[in-house]
Structure formats: structure tokens, C-alpha cells
Amino acid sequence: MKKPTNPKKQIKPKAKNDSIKKQLMIQALTKSLGIVSSACQAVNISRNCHYEWMKSDPEYKAQVEDIANVELDFVISKLHKRINDGSDTAIIYYLKCKGKSRGYSDGGDIPQTHNEGVKITFE
């Protein structure tokens, strides 16, 4: 007759392995500046596994979101460097994003003020 197995013993190794994998994933995400595919490949897990951890583990999710903020800070610092170097494209981009309240816009976000149709007649 088989001995009944202890469910806790079955869960612990996986939980311990997941904990280690999560730590490795956080390190890989940091190294890849938040690129999930690269980090998953480095840790040898699926993207689905990563997103399941995001749903089920609030601490893991918070760490991943913190990495996303570091990534954004990195990109913004590169934008500022390009602005300091005199890049017209970087300056225009920055003004379109941050200077809207001062009138800098490409006009793509101008709200319509009326709903009347336009009549066109041909003679």
C-alpha cells in the first residue's frame, strides 16, 4: 500500500524554485531594461509564466513595475541628452509631449467644437 503524500512537501519545491526563478527574472529584466522576451529567454521561462506571476504575486508585480520606471528614466535621460546635443527632432518631440499647455502641438488633438455636418453643393 502506498504512503499518502504530504501536499506541503509537493508544493514547497515548486514554490522554492518559483521564488528563485522570480529573483532571476527580476535580475534579467533589470539587465534587459524591462524587455520581457529577452529576460524570459535568459531565465528559461515562458512569457505566460511571467504574466501569471504578475497576476498572482503583488510583490513580483511591484518589482517589475519599478524596473519599468527605471527603463523610462533611462529613455528620458537619453532624450535629454539628444536635446542638449541640439537635436531638432528631440526638441520637437519633447515640446509636443510636455509643451501642450503652452501651445506646442501638431494639431492632431484639437477637439471639435460642433457636430454640424458640412453641406457641399455643386452647380
PDB file of N, CA and C in Angstrom:
ATOM      1  N   MET A   1       0.839  -1.183   0.000  1.00  0.00           N
ATOM      2  CA  MET A   1       0.000   0.000   0.000  1.00  0.00           C
ATOM      3  C   MET A   1       0.884   1.248   0.000  1.00  0.00           C
ATOM      4  N   LYS A   2       0.508   2.240  -0.830  1.00  0.00           N
ATOM      5  CA  LYS A   2       1.287   3.486  -0.929  1.00  0.00           C
ATOM      6  C   LYS A   2       1.051   4.381   0.268  1.00  0.00           C
ATOM      7  N   LYS A   3       2.119   5.051   0.658  1.00  0.00           N
ATOM      8  CA  LYS A   3       2.007   6.051   1.714  1.00  0.00           C
ATOM      9  C   LYS A   3       1.347   7.285   1.142  1.00  0.00           C
ATOM     10  N   PRO A   4       0.439   7.920   1.866  1.00  0.00           N
ATOM     11  CA  PRO A   4      -0.112   9.188   1.381  1.00  0.00           C
ATOM     12  C   PRO A   4       0.989  10.248   1.365  1.00  0.00           C
ATOM     13  N   THR A   5       0.985  11.024   0.323  1.00  0.00           N
ATOM     14  CA  THR A   5       1.996  12.071   0.228  1.00  0.00           C
ATOM     15  C   THR A   5       1.509  13.335   0.918  1.00  0.00           C
ATOM     16  N   ASN A   6       2.449  14.045   1.447  1.00  0.00           N
ATOM     17  CA  ASN A   6       2.143  15.297   2.131  1.00  0.00           C
ATOM     18  C   ASN A   6       2.061  16.406   1.081  1.00  0.00           C
ATOM     19  N   PRO A   7       0.903  17.046   0.920  1.00  0.00           N
ATOM     20  CA  PRO A   7       0.770  18.092  -0.103  1.00  0.00           C
ATOM     21  C   PRO A   7       1.755  19.236   0.086  1.00  0.00           C
ATOM     22  N   LYS A   8       2.113  19.557   1.310  1.00  0.00           N
ATOM     23  CA  LYS A   8       3.044  20.658   1.550  1.00  0.00           C
ATOM     24  C   LYS A   8       4.410  20.344   0.961  1.00  0.00           C
ATOM     25  N   LYS A   9       4.846  19.089   1.071  1.00  0.00           N
ATOM     26  CA  LYS A   9       6.137  18.707   0.525  1.00  0.00           C
ATOM     27  C   LYS A   9       6.131  18.798  -1.001  1.00  0.00           C
ATOM     28  N   GLN A  10       4.982  18.538  -1.612  1.00  0.00           N
ATOM     29  CA  GLN A  10       4.886  18.640  -3.062  1.00  0.00           C
ATOM     30  C   GLN A  10       4.915  20.092  -3.516  1.00  0.00           C
ATOM     31  N   ILE A  11       4.352  20.976  -2.755  1.00  0.00           N
ATOM     32  CA  ILE A  11       4.256  22.381  -3.139  1.00  0.00           C
ATOM     33  C   ILE A  11       5.556  23.130  -2.870  1.00  0.00           C
ATOM     34  N   LYS A  12       6.209  22.841  -1.774  1.00  0.00           N
ATOM     35  CA  LYS A  12       7.393  23.602  -1.386  1.00  0.00           C
ATOM     36  C   LYS A  12       8.496  23.628  -2.444  1.00  0.00           C
ATOM     37  N   PRO A  13       8.884  22.471  -3.017  1.00  0.00           N
ATOM     38  CA  PRO A  13       9.957  22.552  -4.014  1.00  0.00           C
ATOM     39  C   PRO A  13       9.605  23.462  -5.182  1.00  0.00           C
ATOM     40  N   LYS A  14       8.377  23.379  -5.667  1.00  0.00           N
ATOM     41  CA  LYS A  14       7.966  24.249  -6.760  1.00  0.00           C
ATOM     42  C   LYS A  14       7.956  25.700  -6.315  1.00  0.00           C
ATOM     43  N   ALA A  15       7.422  25.959  -5.130  1.00  0.00           N
ATOM     44  CA  ALA A  15       7.381  27.333  -4.618  1.00  0.00           C
ATOM     45  C   ALA A  15       8.794  27.879  -4.443  1.00  0.00           C
ATOM     46  N   LYS A  16       9.695  27.049  -3.943  1.00  0.00           N
ATOM     47  CA  LYS A  16      11.081  27.486  -3.759  1.00  0.00           C
ATOM     48  C   LYS A  16      11.721  27.746  -5.118  1.00  0.00           C
ATOM     49  N   ASN A  17      11.473  26.839  -6.065  1.00  0.00           N
ATOM     50  CA  ASN A  17      12.012  27.004  -7.416  1.00  0.00           C
ATOM     51  C   ASN A  17      11.432  28.263  -8.065  1.00  0.00           C
ATOM     52  N   ASP A  18      10.125  28.493  -7.896  1.00  0.00           N
ATOM     53  CA  ASP A  18       9.496  29.707  -8.438  1.00  0.00           C
ATOM     54  C   ASP A  18      10.109  30.957  -7.832  1.00  0.00           C
ATOM     55  N   SER A  19      10.361  30.898  -6.530  1.00  0.00           N
ATOM     56  CA  SER A  19      10.950  32.054  -5.857  1.00  0.00           C
ATOM     57  C   SER A  19      12.328  32.371  -6.430  1.00  0.00           C
ATOM     58  N   ILE A  20      13.116  31.344  -6.662  1.00  0.00           N
ATOM     59  CA  ILE A  20      14.442  31.540  -7.255  1.00  0.00           C
ATOM     60  C   ILE A  20      14.311  32.064  -8.680  1.00  0.00           C
ATOM     61  N   LYS A  21      13.396  31.465  -9.431  1.00  0.00           N
ATOM     62  CA  LYS A  21      13.186  31.904 -10.825  1.00  0.00           C
ATOM     63  C   LYS A  21      12.707  33.357 -10.873  1.00  0.00           C
ATOM     64  N   LYS A  22      11.844  33.731  -9.937  1.00  0.00           N
ATOM     65  CA  LYS A  22      11.365  35.124  -9.897  1.00  0.00           C
ATOM     66  C   LYS A  22      12.522  36.080  -9.637  1.00  0.00           C
ATOM     67  N   GLN A  23      13.399  35.718  -8.706  1.00  0.00           N
ATOM     68  CA  GLN A  23      14.568  36.561  -8.426  1.00  0.00           C
ATOM     69  C   GLN A  23      15.454  36.679  -9.661  1.00  0.00           C
ATOM     70  N   LEU A  24      15.662  35.556 -10.340  1.00  0.00           N
ATOM     71  CA  LEU A  24      16.462  35.571 -11.570  1.00  0.00           C
ATOM     72  C   LEU A  24      15.788  36.398 -12.650  1.00  0.00           C
ATOM     73  N   MET A  25      14.469  36.306 -12.710  1.00  0.00           N
ATOM     74  CA  MET A  25      13.719  37.070 -13.709  1.00  0.00           C
ATOM     75  C   MET A  25      13.832  38.566 -13.438  1.00  0.00           C
ATOM     76  N   ILE A  26      13.749  38.975 -12.195  1.00  0.00           N
ATOM     77  CA  ILE A  26      13.900  40.391 -11.846  1.00  0.00           C
ATOM     78  C   ILE A  26      15.289  40.875 -12.261  1.00  0.00           C
ATOM     79  N   GLN A  27      16.301  40.072 -12.010  1.00  0.00           N
ATOM     80  CA  GLN A  27      17.666  40.439 -12.419  1.00  0.00           C
ATOM     81  C   GLN A  27      17.775  40.530 -13.940  1.00  0.00           C
ATOM     82  N   ALA A  28      17.164  39.571 -14.643  1.00  0.00           N
ATOM     83  CA  ALA A  28      17.213  39.568 -16.101  1.00  0.00           C
ATOM     84  C   ALA A  28      16.441  40.756 -16.682  1.00  0.00           C
ATOM     85  N   LEU A  29      15.307  41.098 -16.082  1.00  0.00           N
ATOM     86  CA  LEU A  29      14.547  42.267 -16.539  1.00  0.00           C
ATOM     87  C   LEU A  29      15.343  43.549 -16.326  1.00  0.00           C
ATOM     88  N   THR A  30      16.033  43.631 -15.211  1.00  0.00           N
ATOM     89  CA  THR A  30      16.872  44.803 -14.937  1.00  0.00           C
ATOM     90  C   THR A  30      17.970  44.922 -15.987  1.00  0.00           C
ATOM     91  N   LYS A  31      18.607  43.808 -16.272  1.00  0.00           N
ATOM     92  CA  LYS A  31      19.699  43.796 -17.248  1.00  0.00           C
ATOM     93  C   LYS A  31      19.205  44.135 -18.655  1.00  0.00           C
ATOM     94  N   SER A  32      17.997  43.677 -19.001  1.00  0.00           N
ATOM     95  CA  SER A  32      17.455  43.906 -20.349  1.00  0.00           C
ATOM     96  C   SER A  32      16.626  45.184 -20.443  1.00  0.00           C
ATOM     97  N   LEU A  33      16.638  45.988 -19.383  1.00  0.00           N
ATOM     98  CA  LEU A  33      15.828  47.215 -19.313  1.00  0.00           C
ATOM     99  C   LEU A  33      14.344  46.941 -19.554  1.00  0.00           C
ATOM    100  N   GLY A  34      13.858  45.857 -18.981  1.00  0.00           N
ATOM    101  CA  GLY A  34      12.431  45.574 -18.999  1.00  0.00           C
ATOM    102  C   GLY A  34      11.923  44.820 -20.208  1.00  0.00           C
ATOM    103  N   ILE A  35      12.802  44.363 -21.079  1.00  0.00           N
ATOM    104  CA  ILE A  35      12.338  43.627 -22.259  1.00  0.00           C
ATOM    105  C   ILE A  35      12.020  42.192 -21.828  1.00  0.00           C
ATOM    106  N   VAL A  36      10.732  41.892 -21.801  1.00  0.00           N
ATOM    107  CA  VAL A  36      10.243  40.639 -21.231  1.00  0.00           C
ATOM    108  C   VAL A  36      10.762  39.423 -22.006  1.00  0.00           C
ATOM    109  N   SER A  37      10.709  39.458 -23.325  1.00  0.00           N
ATOM    110  CA  SER A  37      11.140  38.298 -24.125  1.00  0.00           C
ATOM    111  C   SER A  37      12.587  37.930 -23.837  1.00  0.00           C
ATOM    112  N   SER A  38      13.456  38.923 -23.806  1.00  0.00           N
ATOM    113  CA  SER A  38      14.876  38.662 -23.538  1.00  0.00           C
ATOM    114  C   SER A  38      15.075  38.094 -22.139  1.00  0.00           C
ATOM    115  N   ALA A  39      14.390  38.667 -21.169  1.00  0.00           N
ATOM    116  CA  ALA A  39      14.533  38.208 -19.784  1.00  0.00           C
ATOM    117  C   ALA A  39      14.007  36.781 -19.625  1.00  0.00           C
ATOM    118  N   CYS A  40      12.866  36.483 -20.229  1.00  0.00           N
ATOM    119  CA  CYS A  40      12.306  35.131 -20.144  1.00  0.00           C
ATOM    120  C   CYS A  40      13.249  34.111 -20.763  1.00  0.00           C
ATOM    121  N   GLN A  41      13.827  34.473 -21.882  1.00  0.00           N
ATOM    122  CA  GLN A  41      14.762  33.576 -22.548  1.00  0.00           C
ATOM    123  C   GLN A  41      15.991  33.325 -21.665  1.00  0.00           C
ATOM    124  N   ALA A  42      16.485  34.365 -21.025  1.00  0.00           N
ATOM    125  CA  ALA A  42      17.665  34.230 -20.167  1.00  0.00           C
ATOM    126  C   ALA A  42      17.402  33.320 -18.971  1.00  0.00           C
ATOM    127  N   VAL A  43      16.174  33.355 -18.458  1.00  0.00           N
ATOM    128  CA  VAL A  43      15.822  32.584 -17.269  1.00  0.00           C
ATOM    129  C   VAL A  43      15.202  31.234 -17.639  1.00  0.00           C
ATOM    130  N   ASN A  44      14.904  31.073 -18.918  1.00  0.00           N
ATOM    131  CA  ASN A  44      14.308  29.840 -19.434  1.00  0.00           C
ATOM    132  C   ASN A  44      12.903  29.602 -18.885  1.00  0.00           C
ATOM    133  N   ILE A  45      12.075  30.655 -18.948  1.00  0.00           N
ATOM    134  CA  ILE A  45      10.657  30.529 -18.620  1.00  0.00           C
ATOM    135  C   ILE A  45       9.850  31.087 -19.785  1.00  0.00           C
ATOM    136  N   SER A  46       8.580  30.769 -19.817  1.00  0.00           N
ATOM    137  CA  SER A  46       7.715  31.290 -20.867  1.00  0.00           C
ATOM    138  C   SER A  46       7.212  32.684 -20.488  1.00  0.00           C
ATOM    139  N   ARG A  47       6.813  33.437 -21.500  1.00  0.00           N
ATOM    140  CA  ARG A  47       6.203  34.743 -21.247  1.00  0.00           C
ATOM    141  C   ARG A  47       4.931  34.558 -20.421  1.00  0.00           C
ATOM    142  N   ASN A  48       4.177  33.498 -20.704  1.00  0.00           N
ATOM    143  CA  ASN A  48       2.944  33.235 -19.945  1.00  0.00           C
ATOM    144  C   ASN A  48       3.240  33.072 -18.463  1.00  0.00           C
ATOM    145  N   CYS A  49       4.338  32.395 -18.153  1.00  0.00           N
ATOM    146  CA  CYS A  49       4.727  32.214 -16.750  1.00  0.00           C
ATOM    147  C   CYS A  49       4.958  33.576 -16.089  1.00  0.00           C
ATOM    148  N   HIS A  50       5.697  34.432 -16.771  1.00  0.00           N
ATOM    149  CA  HIS A  50       5.957  35.780 -16.247  1.00  0.00           C
ATOM    150  C   HIS A  50       4.645  36.518 -15.977  1.00  0.00           C
ATOM    151  N   TYR A  51       3.720  36.480 -16.938  1.00  0.00           N
ATOM    152  CA  TYR A  51       2.465  37.215 -16.773  1.00  0.00           C
ATOM    153  C   TYR A  51       1.560  36.582 -15.715  1.00  0.00           C
ATOM    154  N   GLU A  52       1.650  35.278 -15.534  1.00  0.00           N
ATOM    155  CA  GLU A  52       0.921  34.634 -14.436  1.00  0.00           C
ATOM    156  C   GLU A  52       1.466  35.103 -13.093  1.00  0.00           C
ATOM    157  N   TRP A  53       2.790  35.207 -12.991  1.00  0.00           N
ATOM    158  CA  TRP A  53       3.392  35.732 -11.755  1.00  0.00           C
ATOM    159  C   TRP A  53       2.941  37.168 -11.522  1.00  0.00           C
ATOM    160  N   MET A  54       2.845  37.951 -12.587  1.00  0.00           N
ATOM    161  CA  MET A  54       2.389  39.345 -12.458  1.00  0.00           C
ATOM    162  C   MET A  54       0.975  39.394 -11.864  1.00  0.00           C
ATOM    163  N   LYS A  55       0.128  38.457 -12.284  1.00  0.00           N
ATOM    164  CA  LYS A  55      -1.255  38.426 -11.789  1.00  0.00           C
ATOM    165  C   LYS A  55      -1.342  37.919 -10.351  1.00  0.00           C
ATOM    166  N   SER A  56      -0.518  36.929 -10.029  1.00  0.00           N
ATOM    167  CA  SER A  56      -0.702  36.227  -8.754  1.00  0.00           C
ATOM    168  C   SER A  56       0.209  36.689  -7.620  1.00  0.00           C
ATOM    169  N   ASP A  57       1.252  37.463  -7.939  1.00  0.00           N
ATOM    170  CA  ASP A  57       2.219  37.844  -6.906  1.00  0.00           C
ATOM    171  C   ASP A  57       2.402  39.365  -6.895  1.00  0.00           C
ATOM    172  N   PRO A  58       1.729  40.058  -5.976  1.00  0.00           N
ATOM    173  CA  PRO A  58       1.806  41.524  -5.942  1.00  0.00           C
ATOM    174  C   PRO A  58       3.223  42.063  -5.728  1.00  0.00           C
ATOM    175  N   GLU A  59       4.030  41.350  -4.959  1.00  0.00           N
ATOM    176  CA  GLU A  59       5.406  41.798  -4.716  1.00  0.00           C
ATOM    177  C   GLU A  59       6.229  41.716  -6.008  1.00  0.00           C
ATOM    178  N   TYR A  60       6.076  40.627  -6.733  1.00  0.00           N
ATOM    179  CA  TYR A  60       6.773  40.455  -8.016  1.00  0.00           C
ATOM    180  C   TYR A  60       6.321  41.548  -8.989  1.00  0.00           C
ATOM    181  N   LYS A  61       5.020  41.770  -9.051  1.00  0.00           N
ATOM    182  CA  LYS A  61       4.468  42.793  -9.937  1.00  0.00           C
ATOM    183  C   LYS A  61       5.048  44.169  -9.601  1.00  0.00           C
ATOM    184  N   ALA A  62       5.147  44.493  -8.328  1.00  0.00           N
ATOM    185  CA  ALA A  62       5.689  45.789  -7.907  1.00  0.00           C
ATOM    186  C   ALA A  62       7.155  45.931  -8.337  1.00  0.00           C
ATOM    187  N   GLN A  63       7.918  44.853  -8.208  1.00  0.00           N
ATOM    188  CA  GLN A  63       9.321  44.898  -8.621  1.00  0.00           C
ATOM    189  C   GLN A  63       9.443  45.095 -10.130  1.00  0.00           C
ATOM    190  N   VAL A  64       8.585  44.416 -10.893  1.00  0.00           N
ATOM    191  CA  VAL A  64       8.602  44.550 -12.354  1.00  0.00           C
ATOM    192  C   VAL A  64       8.216  45.977 -12.748  1.00  0.00           C
ATOM    193  N   GLU A  65       7.202  46.531 -12.096  1.00  0.00           N
ATOM    194  CA  GLU A  65       6.779  47.909 -12.400  1.00  0.00           C
ATOM    195  C   GLU A  65       7.875  48.905 -12.049  1.00  0.00           C
ATOM    196  N   ASP A  66       8.620  48.642 -10.996  1.00  0.00           N
ATOM    197  CA  ASP A  66       9.735  49.510 -10.628  1.00  0.00           C
ATOM    198  C   ASP A  66      10.811  49.493 -11.717  1.00  0.00           C
ATOM    199  N   ILE A  67      11.049  48.321 -12.288  1.00  0.00           N
ATOM    200  CA  ILE A  67      12.012  48.210 -13.388  1.00  0.00           C
ATOM    201  C   ILE A  67      11.523  49.012 -14.586  1.00  0.00           C
ATOM    202  N   ALA A  68      10.220  48.983 -14.842  1.00  0.00           N
ATOM    203  CA  ALA A  68       9.656  49.758 -15.953  1.00  0.00           C
ATOM    204  C   ALA A  68       9.889  51.252 -15.732  1.00  0.00           C
ATOM    205  N   ASN A  69       9.820  51.702 -14.497  1.00  0.00           N
ATOM    206  CA  ASN A  69      10.098  53.110 -14.199  1.00  0.00           C
ATOM    207  C   ASN A  69      11.565  53.448 -14.420  1.00  0.00           C
ATOM    208  N   VAL A  70      12.449  52.529 -14.071  1.00  0.00           N
ATOM    209  CA  VAL A  70      13.882  52.733 -14.307  1.00  0.00           C
ATOM    210  C   VAL A  70      14.138  52.815 -15.807  1.00  0.00           C
ATOM    211  N   GLU A  71      13.475  51.942 -16.559  1.00  0.00           N
ATOM    212  CA  GLU A  71      13.604  51.949 -18.019  1.00  0.00           C
ATOM    213  C   GLU A  71      13.156  53.294 -18.590  1.00  0.00           C
ATOM    214  N   LEU A  72      12.018  53.786 -18.127  1.00  0.00           N
ATOM    215  CA  LEU A  72      11.514  55.076 -18.605  1.00  0.00           C
ATOM    216  C   LEU A  72      12.479  56.198 -18.245  1.00  0.00           C
ATOM    217  N   ASP A  73      13.011  56.178 -17.038  1.00  0.00           N
ATOM    218  CA  ASP A  73      14.007  57.185 -16.643  1.00  0.00           C
ATOM    219  C   ASP A  73      15.225  57.149 -17.562  1.00  0.00           C
ATOM    220  N   PHE A  74      15.676  55.949 -17.912  1.00  0.00           N
ATOM    221  CA  PHE A  74      16.818  55.785 -18.802  1.00  0.00           C
ATOM    222  C   PHE A  74      16.536  56.418 -20.168  1.00  0.00           C
ATOM    223  N   VAL A  75      15.358  56.123 -20.719  1.00  0.00           N
ATOM    224  CA  VAL A  75      14.999  56.653 -22.045  1.00  0.00           C
ATOM    225  C   VAL A  75      14.859  58.173 -21.989  1.00  0.00           C
ATOM    226  N   ILE A  76      14.252  58.685 -20.933  1.00  0.00           N
ATOM    227  CA  ILE A  76      14.113  60.142 -20.794  1.00  0.00           C
ATOM    228  C   ILE A  76      15.485  60.795 -20.685  1.00  0.00           C
ATOM    229  N   SER A  77      16.415  60.150 -19.994  1.00  0.00           N
ATOM    230  CA  SER A  77      17.766  60.729 -19.898  1.00  0.00           C
ATOM    231  C   SER A  77      18.427  60.778 -21.273  1.00  0.00           C
ATOM    232  N   LYS A  78      18.168  59.775 -22.109  1.00  0.00           N
ATOM    233  CA  LYS A  78      18.703  59.779 -23.474  1.00  0.00           C
ATOM    234  C   LYS A  78      18.061  60.891 -24.304  1.00  0.00           C
ATOM    235  N   LEU A  79      16.760  61.111 -24.108  1.00  0.00           N
ATOM    236  CA  LEU A  79      16.078  62.199 -24.804  1.00  0.00           C
ATOM    237  C   LEU A  79      16.681  63.540 -24.399  1.00  0.00           C
ATOM    238  N   HIS A  80      16.909  63.734 -23.116  1.00  0.00           N
ATOM    239  CA  HIS A  80      17.507  64.988 -22.636  1.00  0.00           C
ATOM    240  C   HIS A  80      18.911  65.186 -23.201  1.00  0.00           C
ATOM    241  N   LYS A  81      19.658  64.104 -23.320  1.00  0.00           N
ATOM    242  CA  LYS A  81      20.996  64.204 -23.914  1.00  0.00           C
ATOM    243  C   LYS A  81      20.891  64.667 -25.364  1.00  0.00           C
ATOM    244  N   ARG A  82      19.941  64.092 -26.106  1.00  0.00           N
ATOM    245  CA  ARG A  82      19.754  64.495 -27.506  1.00  0.00           C
ATOM    246  C   ARG A  82      19.315  65.963 -27.596  1.00  0.00           C
ATOM    247  N   ILE A  83      18.485  66.399 -26.664  1.00  0.00           N
ATOM    248  CA  ILE A  83      18.066  67.807 -26.636  1.00  0.00           C
ATOM    249  C   ILE A  83      19.286  68.687 -26.374  1.00  0.00           C
ATOM    250  N   ASN A  84      20.103  68.305 -25.405  1.00  0.00           N
ATOM    251  CA  ASN A  84      21.325  69.070 -25.108  1.00  0.00           C
ATOM    252  C   ASN A  84      22.298  69.097 -26.273  1.00  0.00           C
ATOM    253  N   ASP A  85      22.269  68.035 -27.086  1.00  0.00           N
ATOM    254  CA  ASP A  85      23.137  67.979 -28.269  1.00  0.00           C
ATOM    255  C   ASP A  85      22.572  68.795 -29.433  1.00  0.00           C
ATOM    256  N   GLY A  86      21.362  69.352 -29.254  1.00  0.00           N
ATOM    257  CA  GLY A  86      20.767  70.209 -30.278  1.00  0.00           C
ATOM    258  C   GLY A  86      19.914  69.498 -31.307  1.00  0.00           C
ATOM    259  N   SER A  87      19.463  68.295 -31.028  1.00  0.00           N
ATOM    260  CA  SER A  87      18.630  67.553 -31.977  1.00  0.00           C
ATOM    261  C   SER A  87      17.253  68.213 -32.109  1.00  0.00           C
ATOM    262  N   ASP A  88      16.976  68.732 -33.312  1.00  0.00           N
ATOM    263  CA  ASP A  88      15.666  69.367 -33.555  1.00  0.00           C
ATOM    264  C   ASP A  88      14.530  68.369 -33.338  1.00  0.00           C
ATOM    265  N   THR A  89      14.719  67.141 -33.787  1.00  0.00           N
ATOM    266  CA  THR A  89      13.679  66.117 -33.636  1.00  0.00           C
ATOM    267  C   THR A  89      13.368  65.873 -32.168  1.00  0.00           C
ATOM    268  N   ALA A  90      14.398  65.759 -31.345  1.00  0.00           N
ATOM    269  CA  ALA A  90      14.194  65.523 -29.914  1.00  0.00           C
ATOM    270  C   ALA A  90      13.500  66.714 -29.258  1.00  0.00           C
ATOM    271  N   ILE A  91      13.888  67.913 -29.657  1.00  0.00           N
ATOM    272  CA  ILE A  91      13.274  69.125 -29.106  1.00  0.00           C
ATOM    273  C   ILE A  91      11.791  69.183 -29.469  1.00  0.00           C
ATOM    274  N   ILE A  92      11.476  68.932 -30.736  1.00  0.00           N
ATOM    275  CA  ILE A  92      10.079  68.970 -31.188  1.00  0.00           C
ATOM    276  C   ILE A  92       9.264  67.899 -30.471  1.00  0.00           C
ATOM    277  N   TYR A  93       9.806  66.701 -30.361  1.00  0.00           N
ATOM    278  CA  TYR A  93       9.106  65.621 -29.669  1.00  0.00           C
ATOM    279  C   TYR A  93       8.806  66.010 -28.226  1.00  0.00           C
ATOM    280  N   TYR A  94       9.803  66.537 -27.540  1.00  0.00           N
ATOM    281  CA  TYR A  94       9.627  66.929 -26.148  1.00  0.00           C
ATOM    282  C   TYR A  94       8.541  67.998 -26.018  1.00  0.00           C
ATOM    283  N   LEU A  95       8.593  68.986 -26.899  1.00  0.00           N
ATOM    284  CA  LEU A  95       7.596  70.059 -26.828  1.00  0.00           C
ATOM    285  C   LEU A  95       6.191  69.554 -27.135  1.00  0.00           C
ATOM    286  N   LYS A  96       6.062  68.619 -28.067  1.00  0.00           N
ATOM    287  CA  LYS A  96       4.742  68.056 -28.371  1.00  0.00           C
ATOM    288  C   LYS A  96       4.185  67.305 -27.172  1.00  0.00           C
ATOM    289  N   CYS A  97       5.072  66.664 -26.410  1.00  0.00           N
ATOM    290  CA  CYS A  97       4.625  65.886 -25.252  1.00  0.00           C
ATOM    291  C   CYS A  97       4.425  66.742 -24.005  1.00  0.00           C
ATOM    292  N   LYS A  98       5.375  67.627 -23.746  1.00  0.00           N
ATOM    293  CA  LYS A  98       5.368  68.375 -22.489  1.00  0.00           C
ATOM    294  C   LYS A  98       4.934  69.829 -22.632  1.00  0.00           C
ATOM    295  N   GLY A  99       4.888  70.349 -23.853  1.00  0.00           N
ATOM    296  CA  GLY A  99       4.598  71.768 -24.027  1.00  0.00           C
ATOM    297  C   GLY A  99       3.202  72.080 -24.518  1.00  0.00           C
ATOM    298  N   LYS A 100       2.295  71.103 -24.444  1.00  0.00           N
ATOM    299  CA  LYS A 100       0.926  71.319 -24.937  1.00  0.00           C
ATOM    300  C   LYS A 100       0.239  72.491 -24.242  1.00  0.00           C
ATOM    301  N   SER A 101       0.469  72.624 -22.937  1.00  0.00           N
ATOM    302  CA  SER A 101      -0.208  73.693 -22.195  1.00  0.00           C
ATOM    303  C   SER A 101       0.258  75.078 -22.637  1.00  0.00           C
ATOM    304  N   ARG A 102       1.383  75.123 -23.348  1.00  0.00           N
ATOM    305  CA  ARG A 102       1.907  76.397 -23.851  1.00  0.00           C
ATOM    306  C   ARG A 102       1.689  76.548 -25.358  1.00  0.00           C
ATOM    307  N   GLY A 103       0.901  75.646 -25.925  1.00  0.00           N
ATOM    308  CA  GLY A 103       0.545  75.787 -27.327  1.00  0.00           C
ATOM    309  C   GLY A 103       1.363  74.977 -28.307  1.00  0.00           C
ATOM    310  N   TYR A 104       2.313  74.186 -27.816  1.00  0.00           N
ATOM    311  CA  TYR A 104       3.101  73.353 -28.720  1.00  0.00           C
ATOM    312  C   TYR A 104       2.323  72.071 -28.998  1.00  0.00           C
ATOM    313  N   SER A 105       1.921  71.905 -30.254  1.00  0.00           N
ATOM    314  CA  SER A 105       1.153  70.730 -30.623  1.00  0.00           C
ATOM    315  C   SER A 105       1.232  70.545 -32.127  1.00  0.00           C
ATOM    316  N   ASP A 106       1.002  69.333 -32.572  1.00  0.00           N
ATOM    317  CA  ASP A 106       0.971  69.095 -34.010  1.00  0.00           C
ATOM    318  C   ASP A 106      -0.435  69.262 -34.564  1.00  0.00           C
ATOM    319  N   GLY A 107      -1.382  69.605 -33.706  1.00  0.00           N
ATOM    320  CA  GLY A 107      -2.756  69.846 -34.128  1.00  0.00           C
ATOM    321  C   GLY A 107      -3.595  68.586 -34.185  1.00  0.00           C
ATOM    322  N   GLY A 108      -3.018  67.442 -33.935  1.00  0.00           N
ATOM    323  CA  GLY A 108      -3.748  66.191 -34.005  1.00  0.00           C
ATOM    324  C   GLY A 108      -4.727  65.976 -32.874  1.00  0.00           C
ATOM    325  N   ASP A 109      -4.639  66.766 -31.846  1.00  0.00           N
ATOM    326  CA  ASP A 109      -5.519  66.564 -30.697  1.00  0.00           C
ATOM    327  C   ASP A 109      -6.448  67.749 -30.455  1.00  0.00           C
ATOM    328  N   ILE A 110      -6.765  68.482 -31.520  1.00  0.00           N
ATOM    329  CA  ILE A 110      -7.669  69.626 -31.394  1.00  0.00           C
ATOM    330  C   ILE A 110      -9.099  69.101 -31.329  1.00  0.00           C
ATOM    331  N   PRO A 111      -9.821  69.417 -30.260  1.00  0.00           N
ATOM    332  CA  PRO A 111     -11.193  68.913 -30.135  1.00  0.00           C
ATOM    333  C   PRO A 111     -12.135  69.653 -31.087  1.00  0.00           C
ATOM    334  N   GLN A 112     -13.138  68.938 -31.558  1.00  0.00           N
ATOM    335  CA  GLN A 112     -14.144  69.565 -32.405  1.00  0.00           C
ATOM    336  C   GLN A 112     -15.106  70.335 -31.509  1.00  0.00           C
ATOM    337  N   THR A 113     -15.544  71.503 -31.988  1.00  0.00           N
ATOM    338  CA  THR A 113     -16.409  72.341 -31.162  1.00  0.00           C
ATOM    339  C   THR A 113     -17.876  72.250 -31.562  1.00  0.00           C
ATOM    340  N   HIS A 114     -18.158  71.577 -32.675  1.00  0.00           N
ATOM    341  CA  HIS A 114     -19.556  71.442 -33.082  1.00  0.00           C
ATOM    342  C   HIS A 114     -19.746  70.124 -33.825  1.00  0.00           C
ATOM    343  N   ASN A 115     -21.015  69.710 -33.925  1.00  0.00           N
ATOM    344  CA  ASN A 115     -21.316  68.439 -34.574  1.00  0.00           C
ATOM    345  C   ASN A 115     -22.108  68.639 -35.864  1.00  0.00           C
ATOM    346  N   GLU A 116     -22.141  69.853 -36.374  1.00  0.00           N
ATOM    347  CA  GLU A 116     -22.903  70.099 -37.586  1.00  0.00           C
ATOM    348  C   GLU A 116     -22.175  69.542 -38.780  1.00  0.00           C
ATOM    349  N   GLY A 117     -22.947  68.991 -39.717  1.00  0.00           N
ATOM    350  CA  GLY A 117     -22.365  68.480 -40.943  1.00  0.00           C
ATOM    351  C   GLY A 117     -22.039  69.629 -41.895  1.00  0.00           C
ATOM    352  N   VAL A 118     -21.234  69.377 -42.853  1.00  0.00           N
ATOM    353  CA  VAL A 118     -20.865  70.375 -43.859  1.00  0.00           C
ATOM    354  C   VAL A 118     -21.619  70.038 -45.130  1.00  0.00           C
ATOM    355  N   LYS A 119     -22.293  71.051 -45.693  1.00  0.00           N
ATOM    356  CA  LYS A 119     -23.033  70.867 -46.940  1.00  0.00           C
ATOM    357  C   LYS A 119     -22.159  71.326 -48.107  1.00  0.00           C
ATOM    358  N   ILE A 120     -22.069  70.479 -49.089  1.00  0.00           N
ATOM    359  CA  ILE A 120     -21.347  70.841 -50.304  1.00  0.00           C
ATOM    360  C   ILE A 120     -22.334  70.725 -51.459  1.00  0.00           C
ATOM    361  N   THR A 121     -22.460  71.777 -52.217  1.00  0.00           N
ATOM    362  CA  THR A 121     -23.353  71.746 -53.375  1.00  0.00           C
ATOM    363  C   THR A 121     -22.535  72.004 -54.634  1.00  0.00           C
ATOM    364  N   PHE A 122     -22.921  71.323 -55.684  1.00  0.00           N
ATOM    365  CA  PHE A 122     -22.265  71.501 -56.987  1.00  0.00           C
ATOM    366  C   PHE A 122     -23.266  72.094 -57.948  1.00  0.00           C
ATOM    367  N   GLU A 123     -22.825  72.990 -58.766  1.00  0.00           N
ATOM    368  CA  GLU A 123     -23.710  73.594 -59.774  1.00  0.00           C
ATOM    369  C   GLU A 123     -23.353  73.130 -61.134  1.00  0.00           C
TER     370      GLU A 123
END
